[in-house]
Amino acid sequence: MSELKNALRSGDVSVIGSRQFKDFDEYLMPRATFDTHHRENRLGLAVETSATSYLDERFERLREALDETARLAAAGELPDVELNDKGLKITPLDDATPAEADVLTQQVYDLII
């Protein structure tokens, strides 16, 4: 019985007429409708539906960010970064763990051991 329950929850098994356990494909738009909407650019999605266009836009944003980083590095304006002929040096992050957390961690370890 538990196997059936797990299969229902995972969607591996569906129940005809059930709203909770219906077949996954019933949630989807029919293929013909999707094709028509896609062809007419009427999917109403907030993202680009063309992989090529999406990737081109993302690469452009990445290029802009890299160019800005290069500009800041050349001007010596990157925070916590030193870039010179010897290489790149990044200031290590400070330990952000509150002292109280260290105390609690030790208390937990004491309980375990």
PDB file of N, CA and C in Angstrom:
ATOM      1  N   MET A   1       0.817  -1.188   0.000  1.00  0.00           N
ATOM      2  CA  MET A   1       0.000   0.000   0.000  1.00  0.00           C
ATOM      3  C   MET A   1       0.866   1.259   0.000  1.00  0.00           C
ATOM      4  N   SER A   2       1.956   1.219   0.764  1.00  0.00           N
ATOM      5  CA  SER A   2       2.827   2.395   0.802  1.00  0.00           C
ATOM      6  C   SER A   2       3.502   2.614  -0.548  1.00  0.00           C
ATOM      7  N   GLU A   3       3.761   1.537  -1.281  1.00  0.00           N
ATOM      8  CA  GLU A   3       4.353   1.675  -2.614  1.00  0.00           C
ATOM      9  C   GLU A   3       3.401   2.401  -3.553  1.00  0.00           C
ATOM     10  N   LEU A   4       2.125   2.069  -3.467  1.00  0.00           N
ATOM     11  CA  LEU A   4       1.121   2.734  -4.294  1.00  0.00           C
ATOM     12  C   LEU A   4       1.035   4.213  -3.924  1.00  0.00           C
ATOM     13  N   LYS A   5       1.048   4.494  -2.633  1.00  0.00           N
ATOM     14  CA  LYS A   5       0.985   5.880  -2.174  1.00  0.00           C
ATOM     15  C   LYS A   5       2.189   6.667  -2.693  1.00  0.00           C
ATOM     16  N   ASN A   6       3.365   6.079  -2.618  1.00  0.00           N
ATOM     17  CA  ASN A   6       4.570   6.752  -3.114  1.00  0.00           C
ATOM     18  C   ASN A   6       4.510   6.959  -4.624  1.00  0.00           C
ATOM     19  N   ALA A   7       3.991   5.968  -5.341  1.00  0.00           N
ATOM     20  CA  ALA A   7       3.880   6.090  -6.795  1.00  0.00           C
ATOM     21  C   ALA A   7       2.881   7.176  -7.181  1.00  0.00           C
ATOM     22  N   LEU A   8       1.794   7.291  -6.435  1.00  0.00           N
ATOM     23  CA  LEU A   8       0.821   8.351  -6.694  1.00  0.00           C
ATOM     24  C   LEU A   8       1.439   9.720  -6.438  1.00  0.00           C
ATOM     25  N   ARG A   9       2.140   9.849  -5.339  1.00  0.00           N
ATOM     26  CA  ARG A   9       2.759  11.136  -4.994  1.00  0.00           C
ATOM     27  C   ARG A   9       3.813  11.551  -6.009  1.00  0.00           C
ATOM     28  N   SER A  10       4.565  10.595  -6.505  1.00  0.00           N
ATOM     29  CA  SER A  10       5.635  10.920  -7.446  1.00  0.00           C
ATOM     30  C   SER A  10       5.115  11.162  -8.855  1.00  0.00           C
ATOM     31  N   GLY A  11       3.877  10.769  -9.109  1.00  0.00           N
ATOM     32  CA  GLY A  11       3.316  10.937 -10.444  1.00  0.00           C
ATOM     33  C   GLY A  11       3.576   9.754 -11.353  1.00  0.00           C
ATOM     34  N   ASP A  12       4.176   8.703 -10.810  1.00  0.00           N
ATOM     35  CA  ASP A  12       4.425   7.507 -11.616  1.00  0.00           C
ATOM     36  C   ASP A  12       3.126   6.771 -11.938  1.00  0.00           C
ATOM     37  N   VAL A  13       2.120   6.959 -11.081  1.00  0.00           N
ATOM     38  CA  VAL A  13       0.814   6.331 -11.275  1.00  0.00           C
ATOM     39  C   VAL A  13      -0.227   7.445 -11.257  1.00  0.00           C
ATOM     40  N   SER A  14      -1.188   7.374 -12.166  1.00  0.00           N
ATOM     41  CA  SER A  14      -2.249   8.379 -12.194  1.00  0.00           C
ATOM     42  C   SER A  14      -3.598   7.693 -12.010  1.00  0.00           C
ATOM     43  N   VAL A  15      -4.600   8.510 -11.670  1.00  0.00           N
ATOM     44  CA  VAL A  15      -5.952   7.992 -11.461  1.00  0.00           C
ATOM     45  C   VAL A  15      -6.880   8.753 -12.399  1.00  0.00           C
ATOM     46  N   ILE A  16      -7.531   8.031 -13.279  1.00  0.00           N
ATOM     47  CA  ILE A  16      -8.449   8.652 -14.235  1.00  0.00           C
ATOM     48  C   ILE A  16      -9.589   9.317 -13.469  1.00  0.00           C
ATOM     49  N   GLY A  17      -9.861  10.575 -13.812  1.00  0.00           N
ATOM     50  CA  GLY A  17     -10.945  11.316 -13.170  1.00  0.00           C
ATOM     51  C   GLY A  17     -10.521  12.038 -11.901  1.00  0.00           C
ATOM     52  N   SER A  18      -9.318  11.814 -11.434  1.00  0.00           N
ATOM     53  CA  SER A  18      -8.840  12.461 -10.211  1.00  0.00           C
ATOM     54  C   SER A  18      -8.222  13.811 -10.541  1.00  0.00           C
ATOM     55  N   ARG A  19      -8.498  14.810  -9.712  1.00  0.00           N
ATOM     56  CA  ARG A  19      -7.837  16.103  -9.900  1.00  0.00           C
ATOM     57  C   ARG A  19      -6.454  16.086  -9.267  1.00  0.00           C
ATOM     58  N   GLN A  20      -6.329  15.387  -8.169  1.00  0.00           N
ATOM     59  CA  GLN A  20      -5.061  15.371  -7.445  1.00  0.00           C
ATOM     60  C   GLN A  20      -4.035  14.439  -8.090  1.00  0.00           C
ATOM     61  N   PHE A  21      -4.490  13.325  -8.619  1.00  0.00           N
ATOM     62  CA  PHE A  21      -3.562  12.321  -9.143  1.00  0.00           C
ATOM     63  C   PHE A  21      -3.756  12.071 -10.631  1.00  0.00           C
ATOM     64  N   LYS A  22      -4.092  13.136 -11.375  1.00  0.00           N
ATOM     65  CA  LYS A  22      -4.289  12.945 -12.808  1.00  0.00           C
ATOM     66  C   LYS A  22      -2.944  12.811 -13.521  1.00  0.00           C
ATOM     67  N   ASP A  23      -3.007  12.303 -14.731  1.00  0.00           N
ATOM     68  CA  ASP A  23      -1.815  12.085 -15.535  1.00  0.00           C
ATOM     69  C   ASP A  23      -1.126  13.421 -15.810  1.00  0.00           C
ATOM     70  N   PHE A  24       0.181  13.432 -15.737  1.00  0.00           N
ATOM     71  CA  PHE A  24       0.946  14.669 -15.918  1.00  0.00           C
ATOM     72  C   PHE A  24       0.635  15.337 -17.255  1.00  0.00           C
ATOM     73  N   ASP A  25       0.465  14.556 -18.297  1.00  0.00           N
ATOM     74  CA  ASP A  25       0.210  15.114 -19.627  1.00  0.00           C
ATOM     75  C   ASP A  25      -1.074  15.939 -19.678  1.00  0.00           C
ATOM     76  N   GLU A  26      -2.002  15.685 -18.770  1.00  0.00           N
ATOM     77  CA  GLU A  26      -3.247  16.450 -18.747  1.00  0.00           C
ATOM     78  C   GLU A  26      -3.020  17.898 -18.305  1.00  0.00           C
ATOM     79  N   TYR A  27      -1.913  18.163 -17.645  1.00  0.00           N
ATOM     80  CA  TYR A  27      -1.584  19.527 -17.239  1.00  0.00           C
ATOM     81  C   TYR A  27      -1.029  20.341 -18.408  1.00  0.00           C
ATOM     82  N   LEU A  28      -0.554  19.651 -19.424  1.00  0.00           N
ATOM     83  CA  LEU A  28       0.122  20.313 -20.528  1.00  0.00           C
ATOM     84  C   LEU A  28      -0.855  20.796 -21.592  1.00  0.00           C
ATOM     85  N   MET A  29      -0.428  21.832 -22.305  1.00  0.00           N
ATOM     86  CA  MET A  29      -1.176  22.334 -23.447  1.00  0.00           C
ATOM     87  C   MET A  29      -1.074  21.294 -24.564  1.00  0.00           C
ATOM     88  N   PRO A  30      -2.155  21.034 -25.273  1.00  0.00           N
ATOM     89  CA  PRO A  30      -2.064  20.084 -26.386  1.00  0.00           C
ATOM     90  C   PRO A  30      -0.981  20.516 -27.378  1.00  0.00           C
ATOM     91  N   ARG A  31      -0.288  19.555 -27.946  1.00  0.00           N
ATOM     92  CA  ARG A  31       0.850  19.837 -28.828  1.00  0.00           C
ATOM     93  C   ARG A  31       0.460  20.745 -29.997  1.00  0.00           C
ATOM     94  N   ALA A  32      -0.684  20.502 -30.601  1.00  0.00           N
ATOM     95  CA  ALA A  32      -1.110  21.316 -31.744  1.00  0.00           C
ATOM     96  C   ALA A  32      -1.322  22.771 -31.321  1.00  0.00           C
ATOM     97  N   THR A  33      -1.919  22.969 -30.158  1.00  0.00           N
ATOM     98  CA  THR A  33      -2.132  24.326 -29.649  1.00  0.00           C
ATOM     99  C   THR A  33      -0.798  25.000 -29.366  1.00  0.00           C
ATOM    100  N   PHE A  34       0.114  24.257 -28.746  1.00  0.00           N
ATOM    101  CA  PHE A  34       1.438  24.808 -28.470  1.00  0.00           C
ATOM    102  C   PHE A  34       2.133  25.220 -29.761  1.00  0.00           C
ATOM    103  N   ASP A  35       2.115  24.339 -30.749  1.00  0.00           N
ATOM    104  CA  ASP A  35       2.779  24.642 -32.023  1.00  0.00           C
ATOM    105  C   ASP A  35       2.204  25.904 -32.663  1.00  0.00           C
ATOM    106  N   THR A  36       0.886  26.035 -32.629  1.00  0.00           N
ATOM    107  CA  THR A  36       0.240  27.219 -33.204  1.00  0.00           C
ATOM    108  C   THR A  36       0.648  28.477 -32.444  1.00  0.00           C
ATOM    109  N   HIS A  37       0.559  28.432 -31.125  1.00  0.00           N
ATOM    110  CA  HIS A  37       0.931  29.593 -30.303  1.00  0.00           C
ATOM    111  C   HIS A  37       2.411  29.942 -30.482  1.00  0.00           C
ATOM    112  N   HIS A  38       3.236  28.925 -30.548  1.00  0.00           N
ATOM    113  CA  HIS A  38       4.672  29.157 -30.700  1.00  0.00           C
ATOM    114  C   HIS A  38       4.970  29.807 -32.045  1.00  0.00           C
ATOM    115  N   ARG A  39       4.351  29.291 -33.080  1.00  0.00           N
ATOM    116  CA  ARG A  39       4.555  29.818 -34.429  1.00  0.00           C
ATOM    117  C   ARG A  39       4.097  31.280 -34.513  1.00  0.00           C
ATOM    118  N   GLU A  40       3.013  31.603 -33.818  1.00  0.00           N
ATOM    119  CA  GLU A  40       2.450  32.955 -33.859  1.00  0.00           C
ATOM    120  C   GLU A  40       3.002  33.844 -32.739  1.00  0.00           C
ATOM    121  N   ASN A  41       3.972  33.330 -31.996  1.00  0.00           N
ATOM    122  CA  ASN A  41       4.602  34.061 -30.893  1.00  0.00           C
ATOM    123  C   ASN A  41       3.565  34.537 -29.873  1.00  0.00           C
ATOM    124  N   ARG A  42       2.640  33.633 -29.521  1.00  0.00           N
ATOM    125  CA  ARG A  42       1.576  33.968 -28.577  1.00  0.00           C
ATOM    126  C   ARG A  42       1.623  33.098 -27.323  1.00  0.00           C
ATOM    127  N   LEU A  43       2.785  32.619 -26.944  1.00  0.00           N
ATOM    128  CA  LEU A  43       2.865  31.771 -25.757  1.00  0.00           C
ATOM    129  C   LEU A  43       2.697  32.573 -24.466  1.00  0.00           C
ATOM    130  N   GLY A  44       2.977  33.858 -24.529  1.00  0.00           N
ATOM    131  CA  GLY A  44       2.795  34.703 -23.351  1.00  0.00           C
ATOM    132  C   GLY A  44       3.810  34.435 -22.254  1.00  0.00           C
ATOM    133  N   LEU A  45       4.991  34.021 -22.639  1.00  0.00           N
ATOM    134  CA  LEU A  45       6.027  33.738 -21.652  1.00  0.00           C
ATOM    135  C   LEU A  45       6.890  34.969 -21.426  1.00  0.00           C
ATOM    136  N   ALA A  46       7.416  35.091 -20.223  1.00  0.00           N
ATOM    137  CA  ALA A  46       8.250  36.241 -19.879  1.00  0.00           C
ATOM    138  C   ALA A  46       9.704  36.041 -20.291  1.00  0.00           C
ATOM    139  N   VAL A  47       9.997  34.924 -20.911  1.00  0.00           N
ATOM    140  CA  VAL A  47      11.360  34.646 -21.362  1.00  0.00           C
ATOM    141  C   VAL A  47      11.353  34.396 -22.862  1.00  0.00           C
ATOM    142  N   GLU A  48      12.511  34.538 -23.440  1.00  0.00           N
ATOM    143  CA  GLU A  48      12.678  34.273 -24.868  1.00  0.00           C
ATOM    144  C   GLU A  48      12.455  32.785 -25.126  1.00  0.00           C
ATOM    145  N   THR A  49      11.675  32.465 -26.143  1.00  0.00           N
ATOM    146  CA  THR A  49      11.384  31.058 -26.427  1.00  0.00           C
ATOM    147  C   THR A  49      12.353  30.445 -27.420  1.00  0.00           C
ATOM    148  N   SER A  50      13.210  31.248 -27.993  1.00  0.00           N
ATOM    149  CA  SER A  50      14.231  30.735 -28.904  1.00  0.00           C
ATOM    150  C   SER A  50      15.526  30.565 -28.121  1.00  0.00           C
ATOM    151  N   ALA A  51      16.067  29.365 -28.129  1.00  0.00           N
ATOM    152  CA  ALA A  51      17.305  29.109 -27.387  1.00  0.00           C
ATOM    153  C   ALA A  51      18.435  29.990 -27.901  1.00  0.00           C
ATOM    154  N   THR A  52      18.515  30.162 -29.200  1.00  0.00           N
ATOM    155  CA  THR A  52      19.579  30.978 -29.783  1.00  0.00           C
ATOM    156  C   THR A  52      19.467  32.429 -29.320  1.00  0.00           C
ATOM    157  N   SER A  53      18.262  32.981 -29.374  1.00  0.00           N
ATOM    158  CA  SER A  53      18.057  34.368 -28.933  1.00  0.00           C
ATOM    159  C   SER A  53      18.345  34.513 -27.444  1.00  0.00           C
ATOM    160  N   TYR A  54      17.883  33.548 -26.662  1.00  0.00           N
ATOM    161  CA  TYR A  54      18.109  33.580 -25.218  1.00  0.00           C
ATOM    162  C   TYR A  54      19.609  33.559 -24.912  1.00  0.00           C
ATOM    163  N   LEU A  55      20.325  32.638 -25.542  1.00  0.00           N
ATOM    164  CA  LEU A  55      21.761  32.530 -25.286  1.00  0.00           C
ATOM    165  C   LEU A  55      22.507  33.769 -25.772  1.00  0.00           C
ATOM    166  N   ASP A  56      22.113  34.304 -26.919  1.00  0.00           N
ATOM    167  CA  ASP A  56      22.748  35.531 -27.416  1.00  0.00           C
ATOM    168  C   ASP A  56      22.588  36.664 -26.408  1.00  0.00           C
ATOM    169  N   GLU A  57      21.389  36.799 -25.861  1.00  0.00           N
ATOM    170  CA  GLU A  57      21.131  37.853 -24.874  1.00  0.00           C
ATOM    171  C   GLU A  57      21.948  37.622 -23.605  1.00  0.00           C
ATOM    172  N   ARG A  58      22.025  36.383 -23.152  1.00  0.00           N
ATOM    173  CA  ARG A  58      22.794  36.069 -21.941  1.00  0.00           C
ATOM    174  C   ARG A  58      24.292  36.300 -22.170  1.00  0.00           C
ATOM    175  N   PHE A  59      24.796  35.923 -23.351  1.00  0.00           N
ATOM    176  CA  PHE A  59      26.205  36.162 -23.661  1.00  0.00           C
ATOM    177  C   PHE A  59      26.506  37.658 -23.705  1.00  0.00           C
ATOM    178  N   GLU A  60      25.574  38.438 -24.227  1.00  0.00           N
ATOM    179  CA  GLU A  60      25.758  39.888 -24.271  1.00  0.00           C
ATOM    180  C   GLU A  60      25.837  40.459 -22.853  1.00  0.00           C
ATOM    181  N   ARG A  61      24.958  40.000 -21.984  1.00  0.00           N
ATOM    182  CA  ARG A  61      24.991  40.467 -20.590  1.00  0.00           C
ATOM    183  C   ARG A  61      26.289  40.049 -19.900  1.00  0.00           C
ATOM    184  N   LEU A  62      26.737  38.837 -20.175  1.00  0.00           N
ATOM    185  CA  LEU A  62      27.996  38.366 -19.607  1.00  0.00           C
ATOM    186  C   LEU A  62      29.156  39.208 -20.118  1.00  0.00           C
ATOM    187  N   ARG A  63      29.174  39.485 -21.414  1.00  0.00           N
ATOM    188  CA  ARG A  63      30.231  40.301 -22.008  1.00  0.00           C
ATOM    189  C   ARG A  63      30.264  41.681 -21.358  1.00  0.00           C
ATOM    190  N   GLU A  64      29.102  42.289 -21.145  1.00  0.00           N
ATOM    191  CA  GLU A  64      29.032  43.606 -20.505  1.00  0.00           C
ATOM    192  C   GLU A  64      29.596  43.549 -19.085  1.00  0.00           C
ATOM    193  N   ALA A  65      29.242  42.509 -18.343  1.00  0.00           N
ATOM    194  CA  ALA A  65      29.740  42.372 -16.971  1.00  0.00           C
ATOM    195  C   ALA A  65      31.251  42.160 -16.957  1.00  0.00           C
ATOM    196  N   LEU A  66      31.752  41.358 -17.893  1.00  0.00           N
ATOM    197  CA  LEU A  66      33.198  41.129 -17.963  1.00  0.00           C
ATOM    198  C   LEU A  66      33.939  42.401 -18.373  1.00  0.00           C
ATOM    199  N   ASP A  67      33.371  43.150 -19.305  1.00  0.00           N
ATOM    200  CA  ASP A  67      33.992  44.413 -19.719  1.00  0.00           C
ATOM    201  C   ASP A  67      34.045  45.397 -18.553  1.00  0.00           C
ATOM    202  N   GLU A  68      32.966  45.474 -17.786  1.00  0.00           N
ATOM    203  CA  GLU A  68      32.932  46.365 -16.622  1.00  0.00           C
ATOM    204  C   GLU A  68      33.952  45.926 -15.575  1.00  0.00           C
ATOM    205  N   THR A  69      34.058  44.625 -15.359  1.00  0.00           N
ATOM    206  CA  THR A  69      35.044  44.107 -14.408  1.00  0.00           C
ATOM    207  C   THR A  69      36.456  44.423 -14.877  1.00  0.00           C
ATOM    208  N   ALA A  70      36.718  44.262 -16.157  1.00  0.00           N
ATOM    209  CA  ALA A  70      38.041  44.570 -16.706  1.00  0.00           C
ATOM    210  C   ALA A  70      38.350  46.056 -16.557  1.00  0.00           C
ATOM    211  N   ARG A  71      37.348  46.901 -16.793  1.00  0.00           N
ATOM    212  CA  ARG A  71      37.550  48.347 -16.651  1.00  0.00           C
ATOM    213  C   ARG A  71      37.883  48.703 -15.203  1.00  0.00           C
ATOM    214  N   LEU A  72      37.128  48.143 -14.271  1.00  0.00           N
ATOM    215  CA  LEU A  72      37.383  48.410 -12.852  1.00  0.00           C
ATOM    216  C   LEU A  72      38.751  47.875 -12.428  1.00  0.00           C
ATOM    217  N   ALA A  73      39.113  46.708 -12.934  1.00  0.00           N
ATOM    218  CA  ALA A  73      40.414  46.128 -12.588  1.00  0.00           C
ATOM    219  C   ALA A  73      41.545  47.001 -13.111  1.00  0.00           C
ATOM    220  N   ALA A  74      41.413  47.480 -14.340  1.00  0.00           N
ATOM    221  CA  ALA A  74      42.457  48.324 -14.927  1.00  0.00           C
ATOM    222  C   ALA A  74      42.599  49.636 -14.164  1.00  0.00           C
ATOM    223  N   ALA A  75      41.486  50.133 -13.625  1.00  0.00           N
ATOM    224  CA  ALA A  75      41.512  51.389 -12.874  1.00  0.00           C
ATOM    225  C   ALA A  75      41.854  51.168 -11.401  1.00  0.00           C
ATOM    226  N   GLY A  76      42.022  49.905 -11.000  1.00  0.00           N
ATOM    227  CA  GLY A  76      42.321  49.603  -9.602  1.00  0.00           C
ATOM    228  C   GLY A  76      41.148  49.857  -8.680  1.00  0.00           C
ATOM    229  N   GLU A  77      39.945  49.732  -9.205  1.00  0.00           N
ATOM    230  CA  GLU A  77      38.749  50.054  -8.432  1.00  0.00           C
ATOM    231  C   GLU A  77      37.926  48.839  -8.010  1.00  0.00           C
ATOM    232  N   LEU A  78      38.451  47.644  -8.222  1.00  0.00           N
ATOM    233  CA  LEU A  78      37.721  46.462  -7.759  1.00  0.00           C
ATOM    234  C   LEU A  78      37.873  46.359  -6.247  1.00  0.00           C
ATOM    235  N   PRO A  79      36.774  46.244  -5.526  1.00  0.00           N
ATOM    236  CA  PRO A  79      36.873  46.173  -4.067  1.00  0.00           C
ATOM    237  C   PRO A  79      37.555  44.880  -3.614  1.00  0.00           C
ATOM    238  N   ASP A  80      38.472  45.023  -2.675  1.00  0.00           N
ATOM    239  CA  ASP A  80      39.173  43.888  -2.060  1.00  0.00           C
ATOM    240  C   ASP A  80      39.990  43.072  -3.059  1.00  0.00           C
ATOM    241  N   VAL A  81      40.418  43.717  -4.151  1.00  0.00           N
ATOM    242  CA  VAL A  81      41.202  43.026  -5.177  1.00  0.00           C
ATOM    243  C   VAL A  81      42.429  43.863  -5.509  1.00  0.00           C
ATOM    244  N   GLU A  82      43.548  43.169  -5.609  1.00  0.00           N
ATOM    245  CA  GLU A  82      44.779  43.825  -6.049  1.00  0.00           C
ATOM    246  C   GLU A  82      45.265  43.087  -7.289  1.00  0.00           C
ATOM    247  N   LEU A  83      45.375  43.821  -8.386  1.00  0.00           N
ATOM    248  CA  LEU A  83      45.794  43.233  -9.649  1.00  0.00           C
ATOM    249  C   LEU A  83      47.009  43.999 -10.151  1.00  0.00           C
ATOM    250  N   ASN A  84      48.135  43.290 -10.279  1.00  0.00           N
ATOM    251  CA  ASN A  84      49.350  43.931 -10.771  1.00  0.00           C
ATOM    252  C   ASN A  84      50.152  42.920 -11.582  1.00  0.00           C
ATOM    253  N   ASP A  85      51.394  43.283 -11.909  1.00  0.00           N
ATOM    254  CA  ASP A  85      52.212  42.396 -12.734  1.00  0.00           C
ATOM    255  C   ASP A  85      52.576  41.093 -12.019  1.00  0.00           C
ATOM    256  N   LYS A  86      52.404  41.050 -10.702  1.00  0.00           N
ATOM    257  CA  LYS A  86      52.680  39.825  -9.944  1.00  0.00           C
ATOM    258  C   LYS A  86      51.489  38.862  -9.957  1.00  0.00           C
ATOM    259  N   GLY A  87      50.326  39.373 -10.298  1.00  0.00           N
ATOM    260  CA  GLY A  87      49.145  38.515 -10.351  1.00  0.00           C
ATOM    261  C   GLY A  87      47.942  39.141  -9.679  1.00  0.00           C
ATOM    262  N   LEU A  88      47.041  38.291  -9.305  1.00  0.00           N
ATOM    263  CA  LEU A  88      45.774  38.693  -8.708  1.00  0.00           C
ATOM    264  C   LEU A  88      45.766  38.298  -7.238  1.00  0.00           C
ATOM    265  N   LYS A  89      45.400  39.245  -6.382  1.00  0.00           N
ATOM    266  CA  LYS A  89      45.292  38.958  -4.954  1.00  0.00           C
ATOM    267  C   LYS A  89      43.926  39.442  -4.488  1.00  0.00           C
ATOM    268  N   ILE A  90      43.163  38.521  -3.915  1.00  0.00           N
ATOM    269  CA  ILE A  90      41.828  38.842  -3.418  1.00  0.00           C
ATOM    270  C   ILE A  90      41.853  38.737  -1.903  1.00  0.00           C
ATOM    271  N   THR A  91      41.374  39.774  -1.246  1.00  0.00           N
ATOM    272  CA  THR A  91      41.337  39.791   0.211  1.00  0.00           C
ATOM    273  C   THR A  91      40.386  38.706   0.706  1.00  0.00           C
ATOM    274  N   PRO A  92      40.845  37.853   1.623  1.00  0.00           N
ATOM    275  CA  PRO A  92      39.956  36.800   2.141  1.00  0.00           C
ATOM    276  C   PRO A  92      38.760  37.408   2.878  1.00  0.00           C
ATOM    277  N   LEU A  93      37.661  36.687   2.841  1.00  0.00           N
ATOM    278  CA  LEU A  93      36.476  37.131   3.559  1.00  0.00           C
ATOM    279  C   LEU A  93      36.687  36.957   5.057  1.00  0.00           C
ATOM    280  N   ASP A  94      36.116  37.865   5.812  1.00  0.00           N
ATOM    281  CA  ASP A  94      36.154  37.730   7.264  1.00  0.00           C
ATOM    282  C   ASP A  94      35.209  36.618   7.681  1.00  0.00           C
ATOM    283  N   ASP A  95      35.522  36.002   8.815  1.00  0.00           N
ATOM    284  CA  ASP A  95      34.641  34.970   9.353  1.00  0.00           C
ATOM    285  C   ASP A  95      33.340  35.636   9.784  1.00  0.00           C
ATOM    286  N   ALA A  96      32.258  35.233   9.166  1.00  0.00           N
ATOM    287  CA  ALA A  96      30.965  35.855   9.449  1.00  0.00           C
ATOM    288  C   ALA A  96      30.153  35.065  10.470  1.00  0.00           C
ATOM    289  N   THR A  97      30.759  34.036  11.057  1.00  0.00           N
ATOM    290  CA  THR A  97      30.037  33.224  12.025  1.00  0.00           C
ATOM    291  C   THR A  97      30.008  33.944  13.371  1.00  0.00           C
ATOM    292  N   PRO A  98      28.817  34.208  13.890  1.00  0.00           N
ATOM    293  CA  PRO A  98      28.744  34.871  15.195  1.00  0.00           C
ATOM    294  C   PRO A  98      29.324  33.978  16.292  1.00  0.00           C
ATOM    295  N   ALA A  99      29.875  34.599  17.307  1.00  0.00           N
ATOM    296  CA  ALA A  99      30.469  33.851  18.418  1.00  0.00           C
ATOM    297  C   ALA A  99      29.436  32.940  19.079  1.00  0.00           C
ATOM    298  N   GLU A 100      28.181  33.391  19.113  1.00  0.00           N
ATOM    299  CA  GLU A 100      27.122  32.583  19.724  1.00  0.00           C
ATOM    300  C   GLU A 100      26.948  31.258  18.985  1.00  0.00           C
ATOM    301  N   ALA A 101      27.116  31.296  17.663  1.00  0.00           N
ATOM    302  CA  ALA A 101      26.974  30.072  16.875  1.00  0.00           C
ATOM    303  C   ALA A 101      28.095  29.095  17.204  1.00  0.00           C
ATOM    304  N   ASP A 102      29.287  29.612  17.418  1.00  0.00           N
ATOM    305  CA  ASP A 102      30.397  28.734  17.797  1.00  0.00           C
ATOM    306  C   ASP A 102      30.114  28.046  19.130  1.00  0.00           C
ATOM    307  N   VAL A 103      29.531  28.788  20.058  1.00  0.00           N
ATOM    308  CA  VAL A 103      29.187  28.220  21.365  1.00  0.00           C
ATOM    309  C   VAL A 103      28.145  27.118  21.190  1.00  0.00           C
ATOM    310  N   LEU A 104      27.118  27.384  20.385  1.00  0.00           N
ATOM    311  CA  LEU A 104      26.081  26.376  20.149  1.00  0.00           C
ATOM    312  C   LEU A 104      26.647  25.147  19.447  1.00  0.00           C
ATOM    313  N   THR A 105      27.543  25.366  18.506  1.00  0.00           N
ATOM    314  CA  THR A 105      28.176  24.245  17.808  1.00  0.00           C
ATOM    315  C   THR A 105      28.914  23.355  18.797  1.00  0.00           C
ATOM    316  N   GLN A 106      29.644  23.971  19.693  1.00  0.00           N
ATOM    317  CA  GLN A 106      30.382  23.198  20.693  1.00  0.00           C
ATOM    318  C   GLN A 106      29.426  22.430  21.602  1.00  0.00           C
ATOM    319  N   GLN A 107      28.307  23.053  21.959  1.00  0.00           N
ATOM    320  CA  GLN A 107      27.325  22.372  22.809  1.00  0.00           C
ATOM    321  C   GLN A 107      26.742  21.151  22.096  1.00  0.00           C
ATOM    322  N   VAL A 108      26.481  21.275  20.808  1.00  0.00           N
ATOM    323  CA  VAL A 108      25.955  20.144  20.039  1.00  0.00           C
ATOM    324  C   VAL A 108      26.983  19.025  19.984  1.00  0.00           C
ATOM    325  N   TYR A 109      28.230  19.372  19.704  1.00  0.00           N
ATOM    326  CA  TYR A 109      29.281  18.354  19.667  1.00  0.00           C
ATOM    327  C   TYR A 109      29.423  17.665  21.018  1.00  0.00           C
ATOM    328  N   ASP A 110      29.296  18.427  22.087  1.00  0.00           N
ATOM    329  CA  ASP A 110      29.388  17.833  23.425  1.00  0.00           C
ATOM    330  C   ASP A 110      28.255  16.841  23.668  1.00  0.00           C
ATOM    331  N   LEU A 111      27.071  17.123  23.126  1.00  0.00           N
ATOM    332  CA  LEU A 111      25.939  16.206  23.284  1.00  0.00           C
ATOM    333  C   LEU A 111      26.146  14.923  22.483  1.00  0.00           C
ATOM    334  N   ILE A 112      26.760  15.054  21.330  1.00  0.00           N
ATOM    335  CA  ILE A 112      26.961  13.901  20.449  1.00  0.00           C
ATOM    336  C   ILE A 112      28.031  12.972  21.003  1.00  0.00           C
ATOM    337  N   ILE A 113      29.063  13.546  21.511  1.00  0.00           N
ATOM    338  CA  ILE A 113      30.213  12.747  21.965  1.00  0.00           C
ATOM    339  C   ILE A 113      30.043  12.274  23.355  1.00  0.00           C
TER     340      ILE A 113
END
